Amino acid sequence: MDPLFTGLLGLGLMFALIALHVPIGVAMGVSGLIGCGFIIGWEPALSLLSTEPSSALSSLALAVIPLFLLMGNFAHAGGLSTELYRVAGAFFGHRPGGLAISTVLGCAGFGAVCGSSVATAATMSRIALPEMLSHRYGQGFAAATIATGGTLGIIIPPSVILVLYGVLTENSITALFVASVIPGLLTVVFYMAAVSVYARFAPDQAPVGPRSDWATRMATVRECWAVVLLAIAVGAGIYSGMFTVNEAASVGATFAFAIALARKRLNMARFIESIRDTVTSTALIFVIIIGASVFSYFVTLSGMPQAVVEGIEKLGVSALLVIVMLQIMYLIAGAIFDEIAAMVITLPFVYPLIIGLGYDPLWWGVVNVILISMGMIIPPIGINVFVVQSMATHIPLMSIYRGITPYVLADIARLAVITLFPALCTWLPKVTGWS
């Protein structure tokens, strides 16, 4: 059987299994294993069942994932996310849409110590949603702000999905973190601008809150010293070269544990819950990684990536048009799959194409994450919307989708800027010597 035809059949089998609600990692692994069996024989194909899991479980690069997840869980247990929101509210709560701006900033801060979009959205739903609703914010807009702010968890470094991109494409994880700094800050600015504009056109949806005096503001700043120290310990350690990414994640997890313990907020029940959540999330991610590795090997053997590159080259369209087409594809994928699945399913095809077109892999890594984050809030699915709505079932789903509109417009503008000006991603790694 022709390898390319086998590749297409394997791709069809994978989507059929996903449609039957087979876990994505298992669907990719089974499809890849069967495809490899037809191309290279069953004995070498079955050997992948031992080599790929052992490779993933022994990978030092992937060890950073459970450490960052553990850091985020300990940080939440220690109340760090609450403090971030309180500080932002003290400084911005009196402005039009001030609590929504505070929520965006709180999500950005927690994303910097969490690395997960869904976890950020779930955490901030508990903290920010009751506060905004008590200040008469529109239910849909309040929930939409948290769902959108949650996407900052995978854009602001450290980001679990950027770690995956770096491992799967063999790019420097630290360089990817540095490349995402400016786009991450730009995202926060665009979201704050979206809130400000929307609040002026719809003041009933985002009313002005009370102004905090400077004594209150300084008190909240003093209270969040632990967040600042944690961010410095992780961020400065990575970017100064003092720590490797793994060491920084280990230091961050230890520091977050110590904070939660010192504050007497980490009893045995919360400790077990933090460990359980970390283990569960890590297991799910590793199943997807192992399945993606088997499927990626099969895709390479089938020759599909080369066929895609050659087919697009024959079309004679501009490289920018190809990028726009890929961006549309990723928006659809991000709306259907979770952030990790949307990346690992498409990367075997898309990455060779991006490199073949001459684009910087660091730039595409950041754009890739941005596209997936956008897909996580847009209809028809938008997984972050479902996460927030599941924690506030009294808010209609369509109301949240309507509230998403100003953020989607901000996302489109941000994506256009970063697409047209790749230096926003590549400049900082070059000047810091990480590129």
Protein backbone atom coordinates (compact mmCIF):
# COMPACT_ATOMS: atom_id res chain seq x y z
CA MET A 1 0.00 0.00 0.00
CA ASP A 2 1.27 3.48 -0.86
CA PRO A 3 2.63 5.19 2.31
CA LEU A 4 0.88 8.46 1.50
CA PHE A 5 -2.47 6.71 1.08
CA THR A 6 -1.82 4.84 4.33
CA GLY A 7 -1.14 8.19 5.98
CA LEU A 8 -4.49 9.57 4.85
CA LEU A 9 -6.29 6.47 6.11
CA GLY A 10 -4.49 6.78 9.45
CA LEU A 11 -5.51 10.42 9.71
CA GLY A 12 -9.11 9.46 9.01
CA LEU A 13 -8.97 6.71 11.63
CA MET A 14 -7.67 9.15 14.22
CA PHE A 15 -10.53 11.62 13.68
CA ALA A 16 -13.05 8.77 13.64
CA LEU A 17 -11.79 7.57 17.04
CA ILE A 18 -11.91 11.11 18.42
CA ALA A 19 -15.50 11.42 17.15
CA LEU A 20 -16.29 8.22 19.09
CA HIS A 21 -14.97 9.97 22.24
CA VAL A 22 -11.81 7.91 22.48
CA PRO A 23 -9.25 9.99 24.45
CA ILE A 24 -7.15 12.01 22.02
CA GLY A 25 -3.81 10.58 23.17
CA VAL A 26 -5.12 7.03 22.77
CA ALA A 27 -6.67 7.84 19.37
CA MET A 28 -3.38 9.24 18.08
CA GLY A 29 -1.37 6.32 19.46
CA VAL A 30 -3.65 3.63 18.03
CA SER A 31 -3.83 5.30 14.60
CA GLY A 32 -0.08 5.82 14.50
CA LEU A 33 0.65 2.26 15.61
CA ILE A 34 -1.62 0.69 12.99
CA GLY A 35 -0.25 3.00 10.30
CA CYS A 36 3.35 2.16 11.18
CA GLY A 37 2.44 -1.53 11.09
CA PHE A 38 1.31 -1.25 7.48
CA ILE A 39 4.35 0.81 6.42
CA ILE A 40 7.32 -0.75 8.26
CA GLY A 41 5.90 -4.00 9.60
CA TRP A 42 4.25 -5.00 12.85
CA GLU A 43 7.30 -6.01 14.85
CA PRO A 44 9.10 -2.64 14.60
CA ALA A 45 5.74 -0.87 14.96
CA LEU A 46 4.93 -2.68 18.21
CA SER A 47 8.37 -1.76 19.56
CA LEU A 48 7.09 1.83 19.68
CA LEU A 49 4.91 0.77 22.63
CA SER A 50 8.05 0.48 24.72
CA THR A 51 10.38 3.08 23.23
CA GLU A 52 7.98 6.06 23.11
CA PRO A 53 6.61 5.81 26.68
CA SER A 54 10.09 5.22 28.12
CA SER A 55 11.43 8.17 26.11
CA ALA A 56 8.69 10.49 27.37
CA LEU A 57 8.88 9.38 30.99
CA SER A 58 12.68 9.70 31.10
CA SER A 59 12.77 13.09 29.35
CA LEU A 60 14.33 15.83 31.49
CA ALA A 61 12.69 18.47 29.29
CA LEU A 62 9.21 17.08 30.03
CA ALA A 63 9.93 16.89 33.77
CA VAL A 64 9.23 20.62 33.91
CA ILE A 65 5.52 20.04 33.25
CA PRO A 66 4.53 18.43 36.58
CA LEU A 67 6.77 20.89 38.43
CA PHE A 68 5.06 23.95 36.94
CA LEU A 69 1.63 22.38 37.52
CA LEU A 70 2.59 21.67 41.13
CA MET A 71 3.80 25.25 41.56
CA GLY A 72 0.44 26.54 40.31
CA ASN A 73 -1.52 24.28 42.64
CA PHE A 74 0.56 25.26 45.67
CA ALA A 75 0.30 28.95 44.70
CA HIS A 76 -3.49 28.65 44.59
CA ALA A 77 -3.54 26.83 47.94
CA GLY A 78 -1.40 29.59 49.44
CA GLY A 79 -3.85 32.30 48.36
CA LEU A 80 -1.49 34.02 45.93
CA SER A 81 -4.15 34.39 43.23
CA THR A 82 -6.46 36.19 45.66
CA GLU A 83 -3.74 38.68 46.58
CA LEU A 84 -2.98 39.47 42.93
CA TYR A 85 -6.62 40.25 42.28
CA ARG A 86 -6.88 42.40 45.40
CA VAL A 87 -3.87 44.52 44.38
CA ALA A 88 -5.17 45.04 40.85
CA GLY A 89 -8.61 45.96 42.19
CA ALA A 90 -7.18 48.55 44.58
CA PHE A 91 -5.40 50.37 41.75
CA PHE A 92 -7.92 49.98 38.90
CA GLY A 93 -11.29 49.25 40.52
CA HIS A 94 -12.44 52.90 40.35
CA ARG A 95 -11.93 53.18 36.57
CA PRO A 96 -14.58 52.33 33.94
CA GLY A 97 -14.48 48.56 33.75
CA GLY A 98 -11.92 48.63 36.56
CA LEU A 99 -12.79 45.25 38.06
CA ALA A 100 -12.63 43.65 34.60
CA ILE A 101 -9.18 45.20 34.13
CA SER A 102 -8.23 43.90 37.57
CA THR A 103 -9.38 40.43 36.53
CA VAL A 104 -7.24 40.55 33.38
CA LEU A 105 -4.21 41.60 35.44
CA GLY A 106 -4.95 38.96 38.06
CA CYS A 107 -5.14 36.30 35.35
CA ALA A 108 -1.84 37.52 33.90
CA GLY A 109 -0.18 37.36 37.31
CA PHE A 110 -1.54 33.93 38.14
CA GLY A 111 -0.70 32.71 34.63
CA ALA A 112 2.91 33.61 35.37
CA VAL A 113 2.95 31.10 38.23
CA CYS A 114 0.55 28.56 36.76
CA GLY A 115 1.16 27.96 33.04
CA SER A 116 -2.30 26.53 32.32
CA SER A 117 -5.22 28.29 30.65
CA VAL A 118 -8.00 26.13 32.07
CA ALA A 119 -6.52 26.23 35.59
CA THR A 120 -6.25 30.03 35.45
CA ALA A 121 -9.87 30.38 34.29
CA ALA A 122 -11.13 27.99 36.97
CA THR A 123 -9.15 29.67 39.75
CA MET A 124 -10.17 33.21 38.81
CA SER A 125 -13.81 32.14 38.48
CA ARG A 126 -13.83 31.42 42.21
CA ILE A 127 -12.14 34.71 43.07
CA ALA A 128 -13.21 37.36 40.57
CA LEU A 129 -16.70 36.35 39.42
CA PRO A 130 -18.51 36.85 42.77
CA GLU A 131 -16.75 40.21 43.17
CA MET A 132 -17.76 41.50 39.74
CA LEU A 133 -21.34 40.29 40.06
CA SER A 134 -21.65 41.94 43.48
CA HIS A 135 -20.65 45.23 41.80
CA ARG A 136 -23.50 44.82 39.25
CA TYR A 137 -21.35 43.80 36.28
CA GLY A 138 -23.20 42.16 33.41
CA GLN A 139 -23.16 38.42 34.02
CA GLY A 140 -22.09 37.52 30.47
CA PHE A 141 -19.34 40.14 30.32
CA ALA A 142 -18.00 39.20 33.75
CA ALA A 143 -17.81 35.51 32.86
CA ALA A 144 -16.35 36.33 29.42
CA THR A 145 -13.61 38.43 31.04
CA ILE A 146 -12.52 35.47 33.17
CA ALA A 147 -12.67 33.02 30.25
CA THR A 148 -10.55 35.38 28.15
CA GLY A 149 -8.16 36.24 30.96
CA GLY A 150 -7.64 32.53 31.48
CA THR A 151 -5.98 32.28 28.07
CA LEU A 152 -3.13 34.40 29.47
CA GLY A 153 -2.11 31.28 31.41
CA ILE A 154 -0.57 29.78 28.26
CA ILE A 155 0.78 33.03 26.79
CA ILE A 156 2.51 34.58 29.80
CA PRO A 157 5.67 32.54 30.53
CA PRO A 158 6.20 30.04 31.99
CA SER A 159 3.72 28.18 29.78
CA VAL A 160 3.18 24.43 29.74
CA ILE A 161 2.14 24.47 26.09
CA LEU A 162 5.29 26.38 25.09
CA VAL A 163 7.30 23.70 26.89
CA LEU A 164 5.54 21.09 24.76
CA TYR A 165 6.19 23.04 21.58
CA GLY A 166 9.86 23.33 22.47
CA VAL A 167 10.18 19.61 23.21
CA LEU A 168 8.28 18.43 20.12
CA THR A 169 10.13 20.79 17.75
CA GLU A 170 13.52 20.64 19.53
CA ASN A 171 13.64 24.39 20.15
CA SER A 172 15.02 26.02 23.29
CA ILE A 173 12.31 26.31 25.94
CA THR A 174 14.01 29.32 27.50
CA ALA A 175 14.20 31.04 24.09
CA LEU A 176 10.46 30.41 23.64
CA PHE A 177 9.72 31.90 27.06
CA VAL A 178 11.77 34.99 26.19
CA ALA A 179 10.05 35.25 22.79
CA SER A 180 6.63 35.26 24.46
CA VAL A 181 7.37 38.08 26.93
CA ILE A 182 6.54 41.01 24.62
CA PRO A 183 3.49 39.32 23.00
CA GLY A 184 2.25 38.42 26.50
CA LEU A 185 2.50 42.01 27.70
CA LEU A 186 0.92 43.18 24.44
CA THR A 187 -1.99 40.83 25.05
CA VAL A 188 -2.62 42.32 28.49
CA VAL A 189 -2.56 45.85 27.01
CA PHE A 190 -5.00 44.90 24.23
CA TYR A 191 -7.41 43.29 26.71
CA MET A 192 -7.27 46.31 29.02
CA ALA A 193 -7.98 48.58 26.04
CA ALA A 194 -10.91 46.38 25.03
CA VAL A 195 -12.39 46.65 28.53
CA SER A 196 -11.95 50.45 28.61
CA VAL A 197 -13.62 50.96 25.23
CA TYR A 198 -16.46 48.55 25.99
CA ALA A 199 -17.09 50.11 29.41
CA ARG A 200 -17.57 53.52 27.80
CA PHE A 201 -20.08 52.20 25.26
CA ALA A 202 -21.89 49.93 27.73
CA PRO A 203 -21.45 51.44 31.21
CA ASP A 204 -24.27 49.31 32.60
CA GLN A 205 -22.22 46.18 31.86
CA ALA A 206 -19.06 47.43 33.57
CA PRO A 207 -19.89 50.09 36.20
CA VAL A 208 -17.32 52.19 38.02
CA GLY A 209 -16.35 50.89 41.45
CA PRO A 210 -15.25 52.74 44.59
CA ARG A 211 -11.82 54.38 44.69
CA SER A 212 -9.28 52.96 47.13
CA ASP A 213 -7.11 55.39 49.05
CA TRP A 214 -3.32 55.13 48.87
CA ALA A 215 -3.10 53.59 52.33
CA THR A 216 -5.30 50.70 51.17
CA ARG A 217 -3.31 50.33 47.96
CA MET A 218 -0.01 50.16 49.77
CA ALA A 219 -1.44 47.66 52.23
CA THR A 220 -2.47 45.35 49.38
CA VAL A 221 0.96 45.73 47.77
CA ARG A 222 2.65 44.71 51.01
CA GLU A 223 0.37 41.71 51.27
CA CYS A 224 1.43 40.36 47.86
CA TRP A 225 5.17 40.21 48.61
CA ALA A 226 5.09 36.43 48.22
CA VAL A 227 3.83 36.66 44.63
CA VAL A 228 6.61 39.09 43.74
CA LEU A 229 9.28 36.89 45.29
CA LEU A 230 7.93 33.81 43.52
CA ALA A 231 7.90 35.59 40.15
CA ILE A 232 11.46 36.85 40.73
CA ALA A 233 12.69 33.43 41.83
CA VAL A 234 11.32 31.75 38.71
CA GLY A 235 11.59 34.48 36.05
CA ALA A 236 14.90 36.02 37.02
CA GLY A 237 16.42 32.60 37.54
CA ILE A 238 15.47 31.46 34.04
CA TYR A 239 16.30 34.62 32.11
CA SER A 240 19.57 35.33 33.92
CA GLY A 241 20.83 31.85 33.18
CA MET A 242 21.18 31.11 36.89
CA PHE A 243 18.68 28.23 36.65
CA THR A 244 17.72 25.86 33.91
CA VAL A 245 13.97 25.76 33.22
CA ASN A 246 13.70 22.53 35.22
CA GLU A 247 15.59 23.98 38.17
CA ALA A 248 13.46 27.14 38.08
CA ALA A 249 10.27 25.07 38.10
CA SER A 250 11.60 23.05 41.05
CA VAL A 251 12.55 26.21 42.95
CA GLY A 252 9.14 27.73 42.17
CA ALA A 253 7.24 24.65 43.37
CA THR A 254 9.30 24.50 46.56
CA PHE A 255 8.87 28.22 47.21
CA ALA A 256 5.10 28.09 46.60
CA PHE A 257 4.88 25.10 48.98
CA ALA A 258 6.83 26.96 51.64
CA ILE A 259 4.58 30.03 51.33
CA ALA A 260 1.38 27.99 51.62
CA LEU A 261 2.84 26.09 54.58
CA ALA A 262 4.04 29.23 56.37
CA ARG A 263 0.61 30.81 56.01
CA LYS A 264 -1.00 27.68 57.51
CA ARG A 265 -3.22 27.33 54.44
CA LEU A 266 -1.81 23.98 53.37
CA ASN A 267 -3.41 21.39 55.58
CA MET A 268 -3.23 17.70 54.71
CA ALA A 269 -6.46 17.77 52.70
CA ARG A 270 -5.28 20.66 50.50
CA PHE A 271 -1.84 19.10 50.12
CA ILE A 272 -3.35 15.83 48.90
CA GLU A 273 -5.70 17.75 46.59
CA SER A 274 -2.76 19.68 45.09
CA ILE A 275 -0.79 16.48 44.52
CA ARG A 276 -3.83 14.70 43.06
CA ASP A 277 -4.61 17.54 40.65
CA THR A 278 -0.97 17.66 39.55
CA VAL A 279 -0.76 13.90 39.02
CA THR A 280 -4.05 13.79 37.11
CA SER A 281 -3.11 16.66 34.79
CA THR A 282 0.40 15.28 34.26
CA ALA A 283 -0.93 11.82 33.39
CA LEU A 284 -3.36 13.26 30.85
CA ILE A 285 -0.62 15.36 29.25
CA PHE A 286 1.84 12.46 29.06
CA VAL A 287 -0.74 10.16 27.45
CA ILE A 288 -1.24 12.82 24.78
CA ILE A 289 2.53 13.27 24.35
CA ILE A 290 3.15 9.54 23.95
CA GLY A 291 0.27 9.18 21.50
CA ALA A 292 1.47 12.23 19.58
CA SER A 293 5.01 10.82 19.37
CA VAL A 294 3.77 7.56 17.83
CA PHE A 295 1.46 9.41 15.45
CA SER A 296 4.19 11.90 14.49
CA TYR A 297 6.54 9.01 13.65
CA PHE A 298 3.84 7.49 11.46
CA VAL A 299 3.12 10.80 9.74
CA THR A 300 6.81 11.24 8.95
CA LEU A 301 7.02 7.72 7.50
CA SER A 302 3.96 8.33 5.32
CA GLY A 303 5.50 11.40 3.70
CA MET A 304 2.43 13.55 4.34
CA PRO A 305 4.35 16.61 5.61
CA GLN A 306 6.49 16.69 2.47
CA ALA A 307 3.40 16.23 0.31
CA VAL A 308 1.67 19.16 2.05
CA VAL A 309 4.72 21.41 1.58
CA GLU A 310 5.06 20.45 -2.09
CA GLY A 311 1.33 20.88 -2.71
CA ILE A 312 1.30 24.40 -1.26
CA GLU A 313 4.43 25.33 -3.20
CA LYS A 314 2.71 24.25 -6.44
CA LEU A 315 -0.24 26.52 -5.65
CA GLY A 316 2.08 29.49 -6.08
CA VAL A 317 0.36 31.54 -3.34
CA SER A 318 2.25 33.99 -1.16
CA ALA A 319 3.73 32.87 2.15
CA LEU A 320 1.54 35.38 4.02
CA LEU A 321 -1.61 33.86 2.51
CA VAL A 322 -0.45 30.41 3.65
CA ILE A 323 0.01 31.78 7.18
CA VAL A 324 -3.49 33.28 7.15
CA MET A 325 -4.94 29.93 5.99
CA LEU A 326 -3.10 28.15 8.80
CA GLN A 327 -4.36 30.70 11.31
CA ILE A 328 -7.96 30.03 10.29
CA MET A 329 -7.33 26.29 10.65
CA TYR A 330 -5.92 26.77 14.15
CA LEU A 331 -8.86 28.88 15.26
CA ILE A 332 -11.14 26.01 14.30
CA ALA A 333 -8.88 23.42 15.96
CA GLY A 334 -8.61 25.50 19.14
CA ALA A 335 -12.39 25.74 19.35
CA ILE A 336 -12.79 21.96 19.08
CA PHE A 337 -9.83 20.53 21.01
CA ASP A 338 -8.05 21.52 24.21
CA GLU A 339 -4.84 23.52 23.86
CA ILE A 340 -2.44 20.58 23.98
CA ALA A 341 -4.37 18.38 21.56
CA ALA A 342 -4.80 21.24 19.07
CA MET A 343 -1.03 21.63 18.95
CA VAL A 344 0.17 18.04 18.88
CA ILE A 345 -2.33 16.93 16.22
CA THR A 346 -1.30 19.62 13.76
CA LEU A 347 2.41 20.08 14.51
CA PRO A 348 3.71 17.14 12.40
CA PHE A 349 2.19 18.77 9.30
CA VAL A 350 2.50 22.45 10.03
CA TYR A 351 6.00 22.77 11.50
CA PRO A 352 7.85 21.48 8.39
CA LEU A 353 5.74 23.85 6.30
CA ILE A 354 6.62 26.86 8.46
CA ILE A 355 10.33 26.04 8.32
CA GLY A 356 10.09 25.45 4.57
CA LEU A 357 8.57 28.90 4.10
CA GLY A 358 11.53 30.42 5.96
CA TYR A 359 9.71 31.62 9.09
CA ASP A 360 11.33 31.73 12.51
CA PRO A 361 10.29 28.73 14.67
CA LEU A 362 10.22 30.90 17.82
CA TRP A 363 7.82 33.32 16.15
CA TRP A 364 5.57 30.48 15.01
CA GLY A 365 5.61 28.93 18.48
CA VAL A 366 4.23 32.14 19.98
CA VAL A 367 1.72 32.62 17.13
CA ASN A 368 0.67 28.99 17.49
CA VAL A 369 -0.09 29.47 21.19
CA ILE A 370 -1.96 32.73 20.49
CA LEU A 371 -4.14 31.04 17.87
CA ILE A 372 -4.96 28.15 20.16
CA SER A 373 -5.76 30.55 23.00
CA MET A 374 -8.16 32.43 20.72
CA GLY A 375 -9.87 29.17 19.79
CA MET A 376 -10.43 28.48 23.48
CA ILE A 377 -12.94 31.32 23.80
CA ILE A 378 -14.71 31.52 20.43
CA PRO A 379 -17.91 29.65 19.46
CA PRO A 380 -19.06 26.98 18.80
CA ILE A 381 -17.19 25.45 21.74
CA GLY A 382 -14.47 27.52 23.40
CA ILE A 383 -13.35 25.27 26.25
CA ASN A 384 -12.60 28.16 28.63
CA VAL A 385 -16.17 29.41 28.24
CA PHE A 386 -17.44 25.99 29.28
CA VAL A 387 -15.07 25.93 32.27
CA VAL A 388 -16.36 29.25 33.58
CA GLN A 389 -19.99 28.42 32.82
CA SER A 390 -19.67 25.08 34.64
CA MET A 391 -18.71 27.05 37.76
CA ALA A 392 -21.55 29.57 37.31
CA THR A 393 -24.41 27.55 35.82
CA HIS A 394 -26.90 30.40 36.34
CA ILE A 395 -25.18 32.41 33.57
CA PRO A 396 -26.49 31.44 30.08
CA LEU A 397 -23.84 30.21 27.66
CA MET A 398 -24.99 32.57 24.90
CA SER A 399 -24.66 35.50 27.27
CA ILE A 400 -20.99 34.64 27.79
CA TYR A 401 -20.41 34.31 24.05
CA ARG A 402 -21.88 37.78 23.54
CA GLY A 403 -19.59 39.13 26.26
CA ILE A 404 -16.59 37.62 24.46
CA THR A 405 -17.06 39.95 21.44
CA PRO A 406 -14.80 42.87 22.52
CA TYR A 407 -12.03 40.44 23.44
CA VAL A 408 -12.25 38.60 20.13
CA LEU A 409 -11.84 41.92 18.32
CA ALA A 410 -8.82 42.71 20.49
CA ASP A 411 -7.41 39.24 19.73
CA ILE A 412 -7.77 39.76 15.98
CA ALA A 413 -5.96 43.10 16.20
CA ARG A 414 -3.19 41.57 18.34
CA LEU A 415 -2.78 38.62 15.97
CA ALA A 416 -2.51 40.95 12.97
CA VAL A 417 0.19 43.03 14.69
CA ILE A 418 2.29 40.02 15.66
CA THR A 419 1.86 38.42 12.22
CA LEU A 420 2.96 41.57 10.39
CA PHE A 421 5.77 42.36 12.85
CA PRO A 422 7.54 39.09 13.75
CA ALA A 423 10.30 41.09 15.47
CA LEU A 424 7.94 41.45 18.44
CA CYS A 425 8.74 37.77 19.10
CA THR A 426 12.28 37.46 17.74
CA TRP A 427 13.93 40.69 18.91
CA LEU A 428 14.18 39.95 22.64
CA PRO A 429 15.69 36.44 22.24
CA LYS A 430 18.32 37.87 19.88
CA VAL A 431 19.40 40.77 22.11
CA THR A 432 19.50 38.53 25.19
CA GLY A 433 21.51 35.86 23.38
CA TRP A 434 18.90 33.10 23.71
CA SER A 435 18.18 32.87 19.98
